[in-house]
Amino acid sequence: GMIIETFRIECHADGEPLLRGTAVFGYFLTTAFAQQPGLPPSPAELSRLTEPSAPAALHRSGPARQAGPMLMMLDRITGYWPEGGAAGLGRLRAEKDVDPDEWFFKAHFFQDPVMPGSLGVEAACQLLQWYMVERGIGGARFEPVALDQPLTWTYRGQVVPTDRLITVELEILEVRDRTVFATAWLWIDGRRIYRIARLGARMVA
């Protein structure tokens, strides 16, 4: 009763290669989602969800605009450690309350009211953009994809209307001029379901 498909993707614009990748997608029975383990964390990783930190304002003024209300996938910044992480470049945490009436639950696949996975990646991109503004990386707008860089997204769970709290974490790996790279994780109600390896974004002058 379950189907798993693997795809090879190639996108071109005006005859030039734009994106290459692979993806795995599944059609699962409802019972398969009943006891999802997600991406099991270590005790130290789990403890970061409640690590205390001074709160920080979500909205930052500047020429590079943050997402508008409909696409803003974060409600608050709950942790910022400017010298955190293995590289000493910063670690961040943010949250979003799950509203069962949000537009995207109705806009997903027929009879499948879940938050589209791409919006979880968007939440991580928005937290990375917040970091760039906070660090004073100047520019007129955000470019949310680092060109010529591989990106791996591991996805082991869903956000559904009965869930309560999304938590996004970032660890900054590298700052290269106006481009920043990070590892991102997304949790739902204390269960980790995403890992996004080497998420990159840059400021465009």
Protein backbone atom coordinates (compact mmCIF):
# COMPACT_ATOMS: atom_id res chain seq x y z
CA GLY A 1 0.00 0.00 0.00
CA MET A 2 2.99 2.32 0.02
CA ILE A 3 4.95 3.64 -2.95
CA ILE A 4 8.40 5.25 -2.97
CA GLU A 5 9.62 7.06 -6.08
CA THR A 6 13.10 8.39 -6.85
CA PHE A 7 13.52 11.28 -9.26
CA ARG A 8 16.45 12.81 -11.09
CA ILE A 9 15.83 16.53 -11.67
CA GLU A 10 17.41 18.83 -14.23
CA CYS A 11 16.20 22.41 -14.69
CA HIS A 12 17.30 24.73 -17.47
CA ALA A 13 16.70 28.43 -18.18
CA ASP A 14 17.26 29.73 -21.71
CA GLY A 15 19.14 26.55 -22.52
CA GLU A 16 21.57 26.94 -19.62
CA PRO A 17 21.65 24.48 -16.68
CA LEU A 18 20.10 26.00 -13.58
CA LEU A 19 19.68 23.14 -11.09
CA ARG A 20 20.47 19.45 -10.85
CA GLY A 21 19.44 17.10 -8.09
CA THR A 22 17.77 13.92 -6.91
CA ALA A 23 14.71 13.44 -4.72
CA VAL A 24 12.83 10.62 -3.05
CA PHE A 25 9.07 10.94 -2.56
CA GLY A 26 6.57 8.57 -1.03
CA TYR A 27 2.88 7.78 -0.78
CA PHE A 28 2.30 6.33 2.68
CA LEU A 29 -0.53 4.79 4.64
CA THR A 30 -1.93 6.89 7.48
CA THR A 31 -0.73 4.26 9.97
CA ALA A 32 2.86 4.78 8.78
CA PHE A 33 2.78 8.28 10.27
CA ALA A 34 1.38 7.28 13.66
CA GLN A 35 4.75 6.70 15.36
CA GLN A 36 7.28 8.72 13.42
CA PRO A 37 10.72 8.76 15.08
CA GLY A 38 11.94 11.69 12.99
CA LEU A 39 15.70 12.23 13.09
CA PRO A 40 16.56 11.08 16.64
CA PRO A 41 18.73 13.63 18.52
CA SER A 42 21.40 13.11 21.13
CA PRO A 43 20.63 14.35 24.67
CA ALA A 44 22.87 17.37 24.07
CA GLU A 45 21.03 18.24 20.86
CA LEU A 46 17.67 17.90 22.58
CA SER A 47 18.78 20.16 25.42
CA ARG A 48 19.39 23.02 22.98
CA LEU A 49 15.63 23.40 22.54
CA THR A 50 15.33 24.80 26.05
CA GLU A 51 18.75 26.46 26.42
CA PRO A 52 18.15 29.94 27.86
CA SER A 53 18.98 33.03 25.83
CA ALA A 54 18.05 36.68 25.81
CA PRO A 55 15.15 37.26 23.38
CA ALA A 56 15.75 39.23 20.18
CA ALA A 57 13.36 41.14 17.95
CA LEU A 58 12.23 39.20 14.88
CA HIS A 59 11.85 42.19 12.57
CA ARG A 60 14.91 44.15 11.51
CA SER A 61 14.89 47.37 9.51
CA GLY A 62 17.06 47.77 6.44
CA PRO A 63 16.99 47.81 2.65
CA ALA A 64 16.69 44.00 2.38
CA ARG A 65 13.08 43.23 3.27
CA GLN A 66 11.99 40.24 5.30
CA ALA A 67 9.02 38.13 4.20
CA GLY A 68 5.55 39.64 4.45
CA PRO A 69 2.87 38.36 6.84
CA MET A 70 1.58 35.56 4.60
CA LEU A 71 4.98 33.98 3.99
CA MET A 72 6.66 34.81 7.31
CA MET A 73 7.33 31.35 8.72
CA LEU A 74 8.75 32.50 12.06
CA ASP A 75 6.95 34.13 15.00
CA ARG A 76 9.89 34.91 17.29
CA ILE A 77 13.62 34.53 17.85
CA THR A 78 14.14 32.52 21.04
CA GLY A 79 17.90 32.07 21.00
CA TYR A 80 20.95 33.80 19.59
CA TRP A 81 24.48 32.94 20.59
CA PRO A 82 26.73 35.18 18.43
CA GLU A 83 29.86 33.09 19.06
CA GLY A 84 28.15 29.70 19.27
CA GLY A 85 28.62 26.64 17.10
CA ALA A 86 31.75 24.72 16.17
CA ALA A 87 32.99 27.55 13.92
CA GLY A 88 32.32 30.22 16.56
CA LEU A 89 30.22 32.20 14.05
CA GLY A 90 26.86 31.88 15.72
CA ARG A 91 23.96 29.64 16.62
CA LEU A 92 20.28 30.60 16.42
CA ARG A 93 16.85 29.32 17.42
CA ALA A 94 13.38 30.51 16.41
CA GLU A 95 9.79 29.34 16.78
CA LYS A 96 6.47 29.39 14.98
CA ASP A 97 3.12 28.50 16.54
CA VAL A 98 1.08 26.10 14.42
CA ASP A 99 -2.28 27.60 13.47
CA PRO A 100 -4.65 24.92 12.07
CA ASP A 101 -6.37 27.63 9.99
CA GLU A 102 -3.23 28.67 8.11
CA TRP A 103 -3.62 28.93 4.33
CA PHE A 104 -1.03 26.30 3.45
CA PHE A 105 -2.86 23.40 5.12
CA LYS A 106 -5.73 23.92 2.67
CA ALA A 107 -3.38 24.45 -0.28
CA HIS A 108 -1.44 21.20 -0.01
CA PHE A 109 -2.29 17.98 -1.88
CA PHE A 110 -5.92 16.83 -1.97
CA GLN A 111 -6.99 15.34 1.39
CA ASP A 112 -3.45 15.82 2.73
CA PRO A 113 -3.50 18.91 4.99
CA VAL A 114 0.17 19.22 5.92
CA MET A 115 2.59 22.13 5.83
CA PRO A 116 4.47 21.86 2.51
CA GLY A 117 8.02 20.78 3.20
CA SER A 118 9.39 23.70 1.21
CA LEU A 119 7.91 26.11 3.78
CA GLY A 120 10.00 24.47 6.48
CA VAL A 121 13.06 25.19 4.34
CA GLU A 122 11.76 28.73 3.89
CA ALA A 123 11.64 29.12 7.69
CA ALA A 124 15.32 28.15 7.86
CA CYS A 125 16.12 30.61 5.04
CA GLN A 126 14.34 33.38 6.94
CA LEU A 127 16.34 32.68 10.09
CA LEU A 128 19.54 32.77 8.04
CA GLN A 129 18.46 36.11 6.56
CA TRP A 130 17.84 37.45 10.08
CA TYR A 131 21.41 36.49 10.99
CA MET A 132 22.79 38.31 7.93
CA VAL A 133 21.00 41.54 8.86
CA GLU A 134 22.00 41.17 12.52
CA ARG A 135 25.66 40.76 11.52
CA GLY A 136 25.54 43.83 9.30
CA ILE A 137 26.12 42.00 6.01
CA GLY A 138 25.00 44.77 3.69
CA GLY A 139 22.94 44.54 0.54
CA ALA A 140 19.72 45.53 -1.13
CA ARG A 141 18.03 42.12 -1.18
CA PHE A 142 18.43 38.49 -0.21
CA GLU A 143 19.30 35.77 -2.68
CA PRO A 144 18.15 32.60 -0.89
CA VAL A 145 20.17 30.07 -2.87
CA ALA A 146 23.95 29.78 -2.98
CA LEU A 147 24.86 29.03 -6.59
CA ASP A 148 27.25 26.18 -7.45
CA GLN A 149 26.92 24.75 -3.95
CA PRO A 150 25.45 21.34 -3.09
CA LEU A 151 22.52 21.27 -0.67
CA THR A 152 21.15 18.18 1.08
CA TRP A 153 17.75 18.18 2.77
CA THR A 154 16.80 15.15 4.87
CA TYR A 155 13.11 15.07 5.74
CA ARG A 156 11.63 12.55 8.20
CA GLY A 157 8.26 13.85 9.31
CA GLN A 158 5.37 16.24 8.73
CA VAL A 159 3.77 19.31 10.28
CA VAL A 160 0.00 18.76 10.56
CA PRO A 161 -2.81 20.99 11.91
CA THR A 162 -2.91 19.21 15.29
CA ASP A 163 0.76 20.02 16.00
CA ARG A 164 1.58 22.94 18.26
CA LEU A 165 5.11 24.32 17.90
CA ILE A 166 7.74 24.49 15.16
CA THR A 167 11.32 25.17 16.25
CA VAL A 168 14.08 26.07 13.78
CA GLU A 169 17.78 25.91 14.64
CA LEU A 170 20.80 27.17 12.71
CA GLU A 171 24.52 26.73 13.19
CA ILE A 172 26.61 29.05 11.06
CA LEU A 173 29.38 27.23 9.21
CA GLU A 174 31.04 29.89 7.09
CA VAL A 175 30.80 33.58 6.20
CA ARG A 176 32.30 34.31 2.78
CA ASP A 177 32.02 38.02 1.90
CA ARG A 178 28.22 38.46 1.51
CA THR A 179 27.44 34.71 1.43
CA VAL A 180 26.66 32.71 4.57
CA PHE A 181 26.42 28.93 4.97
CA ALA A 182 24.71 27.08 7.81
CA THR A 183 23.34 23.74 8.95
CA ALA A 184 19.64 23.94 9.79
CA TRP A 185 17.28 21.69 11.74
CA LEU A 186 13.50 21.85 12.12
CA TRP A 187 11.64 20.34 15.07
CA ILE A 188 7.92 19.83 15.66
CA ASP A 189 6.76 19.52 19.27
CA GLY A 190 10.22 18.39 20.37
CA ARG A 191 10.71 15.88 17.53
CA ARG A 192 13.38 16.70 14.94
CA ILE A 193 12.17 16.13 11.37
CA TYR A 194 14.50 18.11 9.05
CA ARG A 195 18.22 18.45 8.57
CA ILE A 196 19.36 20.88 5.88
CA ALA A 197 23.08 20.57 5.21
CA ARG A 198 24.99 23.60 3.97
CA LEU A 199 22.08 25.96 3.50
CA GLY A 200 23.45 29.07 1.80
CA ALA A 201 22.18 32.59 1.15
CA ARG A 202 23.75 35.86 0.13
CA MET A 203 23.10 39.57 0.06
CA VAL A 204 22.96 41.13 -3.40
CA ALA A 205 24.28 44.67 -3.71
